[in-house]
Amino acid sequence: MNDKAEEVKAEVVGSEERPGPMAIVALICGILSMLCCWVPFFGFILSVAAVVLGIIENKKIGRGESSSKGKAMAIAGIILGAVGILAGIITFIILPIVGASLGFFTDIFNS
């Protein structure tokens, strides 16, 4: 009788669904990409990784290969990664304009 109770307890404890690891990594990459979007290439790489991993995990969840608990994390990673990509592009457009207007490049071109 005791063996049966331990077996049931083991099934209940082990049956807890966890989000897929790619969903967690997509969310972490998305958060880091938002913090590092102004760092050349590093923020862009993190943003692309967040979008790609989030899409892959979303497809795995749709096929039933991964837990549905990670769907919100995967979507958040995709959104944060996309915003990080846009922020990086805007930064690379605005940074030279602001630098030129403040005269940071005059020494380079006048030499």
C-alpha atoms as a PDB file:
ATOM      1  CA  MET A   1       0.000   0.000   0.000  1.00  0.00           C
ATOM      2  CA  ASN A   2       2.843   2.383   0.757  1.00  0.00           C
ATOM      3  CA  ASP A   3       4.427   1.729  -2.645  1.00  0.00           C
ATOM      4  CA  LYS A   4       1.247   2.813  -4.408  1.00  0.00           C
ATOM      5  CA  ALA A   5       1.096   6.089  -2.448  1.00  0.00           C
ATOM      6  CA  GLU A   6       4.738   6.873  -3.303  1.00  0.00           C
ATOM      7  CA  GLU A   7       4.084   6.122  -6.972  1.00  0.00           C
ATOM      8  CA  VAL A   8       1.078   8.476  -7.080  1.00  0.00           C
ATOM      9  CA  LYS A   9       3.041  11.181  -5.257  1.00  0.00           C
ATOM     10  CA  ALA A  10       5.915  10.840  -7.741  1.00  0.00           C
ATOM     11  CA  GLU A  11       3.497  11.230 -10.655  1.00  0.00           C
ATOM     12  CA  VAL A  12       1.927  14.358  -9.181  1.00  0.00           C
ATOM     13  CA  VAL A  13       5.277  15.993  -8.405  1.00  0.00           C
ATOM     14  CA  GLY A  14       6.791  15.117 -11.776  1.00  0.00           C
ATOM     15  CA  SER A  15       3.806  16.206 -13.849  1.00  0.00           C
ATOM     16  CA  GLU A  16       4.304  19.937 -13.328  1.00  0.00           C
ATOM     17  CA  GLU A  17       4.503  21.665 -16.700  1.00  0.00           C
ATOM     18  CA  ARG A  18       7.349  24.074 -17.189  1.00  0.00           C
ATOM     19  CA  PRO A  19       7.917  26.545 -19.987  1.00  0.00           C
ATOM     20  CA  GLY A  20      10.302  25.412 -22.691  1.00  0.00           C
ATOM     21  CA  PRO A  21      13.912  26.521 -22.389  1.00  0.00           C
ATOM     22  CA  MET A  22      13.782  28.391 -25.710  1.00  0.00           C
ATOM     23  CA  ALA A  23      10.901  30.514 -24.412  1.00  0.00           C
ATOM     24  CA  ILE A  24      12.925  31.474 -21.352  1.00  0.00           C
ATOM     25  CA  VAL A  25      16.026  32.239 -23.429  1.00  0.00           C
ATOM     26  CA  ALA A  26      13.932  34.281 -25.899  1.00  0.00           C
ATOM     27  CA  LEU A  27      12.572  36.379 -23.042  1.00  0.00           C
ATOM     28  CA  ILE A  28      16.020  36.884 -21.508  1.00  0.00           C
ATOM     29  CA  CYS A  29      17.511  37.844 -24.884  1.00  0.00           C
ATOM     30  CA  GLY A  30      14.618  40.244 -25.472  1.00  0.00           C
ATOM     31  CA  ILE A  31      15.129  41.966 -22.125  1.00  0.00           C
ATOM     32  CA  LEU A  32      18.887  42.198 -22.647  1.00  0.00           C
ATOM     33  CA  SER A  33      18.391  43.517 -26.172  1.00  0.00           C
ATOM     34  CA  MET A  34      16.302  46.369 -24.789  1.00  0.00           C
ATOM     35  CA  LEU A  35      19.044  47.210 -22.323  1.00  0.00           C
ATOM     36  CA  CYS A  36      21.834  46.909 -24.919  1.00  0.00           C
ATOM     37  CA  CYS A  37      20.146  48.235 -28.075  1.00  0.00           C
ATOM     38  CA  TRP A  38      22.544  51.183 -28.177  1.00  0.00           C
ATOM     39  CA  VAL A  39      25.636  48.915 -28.120  1.00  0.00           C
ATOM     40  CA  PRO A  40      26.768  48.318 -31.719  1.00  0.00           C
ATOM     41  CA  PHE A  41      26.032  44.785 -32.982  1.00  0.00           C
ATOM     42  CA  PHE A  42      25.611  43.245 -29.501  1.00  0.00           C
ATOM     43  CA  GLY A  43      22.089  44.541 -29.010  1.00  0.00           C
ATOM     44  CA  PHE A  44      21.185  43.666 -32.600  1.00  0.00           C
ATOM     45  CA  ILE A  45      22.420  40.081 -32.192  1.00  0.00           C
ATOM     46  CA  LEU A  46      20.443  39.698 -28.962  1.00  0.00           C
ATOM     47  CA  SER A  47      17.348  41.138 -30.640  1.00  0.00           C
ATOM     48  CA  VAL A  48      17.555  38.776 -33.599  1.00  0.00           C
ATOM     49  CA  ALA A  49      18.167  35.832 -31.247  1.00  0.00           C
ATOM     50  CA  ALA A  50      15.090  36.769 -29.191  1.00  0.00           C
ATOM     51  CA  VAL A  51      12.882  36.964 -32.286  1.00  0.00           C
ATOM     52  CA  VAL A  52      14.181  33.724 -33.818  1.00  0.00           C
ATOM     53  CA  LEU A  53      14.014  31.705 -30.584  1.00  0.00           C
ATOM     54  CA  GLY A  54      10.564  33.069 -29.792  1.00  0.00           C
ATOM     55  CA  ILE A  55       9.244  32.091 -33.229  1.00  0.00           C
ATOM     56  CA  ILE A  56      10.777  28.614 -33.016  1.00  0.00           C
ATOM     57  CA  GLU A  57       9.304  28.046 -29.555  1.00  0.00           C
ATOM     58  CA  ASN A  58       5.899  29.325 -30.682  1.00  0.00           C
ATOM     59  CA  LYS A  59       5.905  26.809 -33.542  1.00  0.00           C
ATOM     60  CA  LYS A  60       6.912  24.009 -31.140  1.00  0.00           C
ATOM     61  CA  ILE A  61       4.057  24.965 -28.826  1.00  0.00           C
ATOM     62  CA  GLY A  62       1.637  24.961 -31.770  1.00  0.00           C
ATOM     63  CA  ARG A  63       2.746  21.453 -32.779  1.00  0.00           C
ATOM     64  CA  GLY A  64       2.437  20.249 -29.167  1.00  0.00           C
ATOM     65  CA  GLU A  65       6.156  19.545 -28.790  1.00  0.00           C
ATOM     66  CA  SER A  66       6.589  22.050 -25.970  1.00  0.00           C
ATOM     67  CA  SER A  67       4.586  23.213 -22.967  1.00  0.00           C
ATOM     68  CA  SER A  68       1.996  25.911 -23.539  1.00  0.00           C
ATOM     69  CA  LYS A  69       3.163  27.665 -20.377  1.00  0.00           C
ATOM     70  CA  GLY A  70       6.011  29.223 -22.376  1.00  0.00           C
ATOM     71  CA  LYS A  71       3.761  30.846 -24.995  1.00  0.00           C
ATOM     72  CA  ALA A  72       3.595  34.218 -23.203  1.00  0.00           C
ATOM     73  CA  MET A  73       7.362  34.209 -22.680  1.00  0.00           C
ATOM     74  CA  ALA A  74       7.981  33.404 -26.342  1.00  0.00           C
ATOM     75  CA  ILE A  75       5.641  36.172 -27.497  1.00  0.00           C
ATOM     76  CA  ALA A  76       7.224  38.648 -25.074  1.00  0.00           C
ATOM     77  CA  GLY A  77      10.659  37.672 -26.417  1.00  0.00           C
ATOM     78  CA  ILE A  78       9.486  38.258 -29.995  1.00  0.00           C
ATOM     79  CA  ILE A  79       8.015  41.658 -29.136  1.00  0.00           C
ATOM     80  CA  LEU A  80      11.019  42.816 -27.104  1.00  0.00           C
ATOM     81  CA  GLY A  81      13.391  41.576 -29.808  1.00  0.00           C
ATOM     82  CA  ALA A  82      11.467  43.434 -32.519  1.00  0.00           C
ATOM     83  CA  VAL A  83      11.461  46.623 -30.445  1.00  0.00           C
ATOM     84  CA  GLY A  84      15.190  46.132 -29.826  1.00  0.00           C
ATOM     85  CA  ILE A  85      15.825  45.828 -33.564  1.00  0.00           C
ATOM     86  CA  LEU A  86      13.852  49.015 -34.237  1.00  0.00           C
ATOM     87  CA  ALA A  87      15.598  50.847 -31.390  1.00  0.00           C
ATOM     88  CA  GLY A  88      18.992  49.771 -32.752  1.00  0.00           C
ATOM     89  CA  ILE A  89      18.134  50.967 -36.249  1.00  0.00           C
ATOM     90  CA  ILE A  90      16.840  54.290 -34.930  1.00  0.00           C
ATOM     91  CA  THR A  91      19.961  54.665 -32.789  1.00  0.00           C
ATOM     92  CA  PHE A  92      22.230  54.127 -35.786  1.00  0.00           C
ATOM     93  CA  ILE A  93      20.279  56.678 -37.803  1.00  0.00           C
ATOM     94  CA  ILE A  94      20.045  59.333 -35.098  1.00  0.00           C
ATOM     95  CA  LEU A  95      23.517  58.926 -33.544  1.00  0.00           C
ATOM     96  CA  PRO A  96      25.479  60.208 -36.572  1.00  0.00           C
ATOM     97  CA  ILE A  97      23.016  63.052 -37.094  1.00  0.00           C
ATOM     98  CA  VAL A  98      23.327  64.201 -33.487  1.00  0.00           C
ATOM     99  CA  GLY A  99      27.092  63.722 -33.580  1.00  0.00           C
ATOM    100  CA  ALA A 100      27.425  65.791 -36.739  1.00  0.00           C
ATOM    101  CA  SER A 101      25.207  68.565 -35.389  1.00  0.00           C
ATOM    102  CA  LEU A 102      27.301  68.754 -32.215  1.00  0.00           C
ATOM    103  CA  GLY A 103      30.535  68.883 -34.208  1.00  0.00           C
ATOM    104  CA  PHE A 104      32.014  65.535 -33.182  1.00  0.00           C
ATOM    105  CA  PHE A 105      33.104  64.714 -36.742  1.00  0.00           C
ATOM    106  CA  THR A 106      34.644  68.054 -37.709  1.00  0.00           C
ATOM    107  CA  ASP A 107      38.107  66.994 -36.563  1.00  0.00           C
ATOM    108  CA  ILE A 108      37.939  63.851 -38.682  1.00  0.00           C
ATOM    109  CA  PHE A 109      36.910  65.627 -41.876  1.00  0.00           C
ATOM    110  CA  ASN A 110      39.159  68.675 -41.412  1.00  0.00           C
ATOM    111  CA  SER A 111      42.381  66.671 -40.953  1.00  0.00           C
END
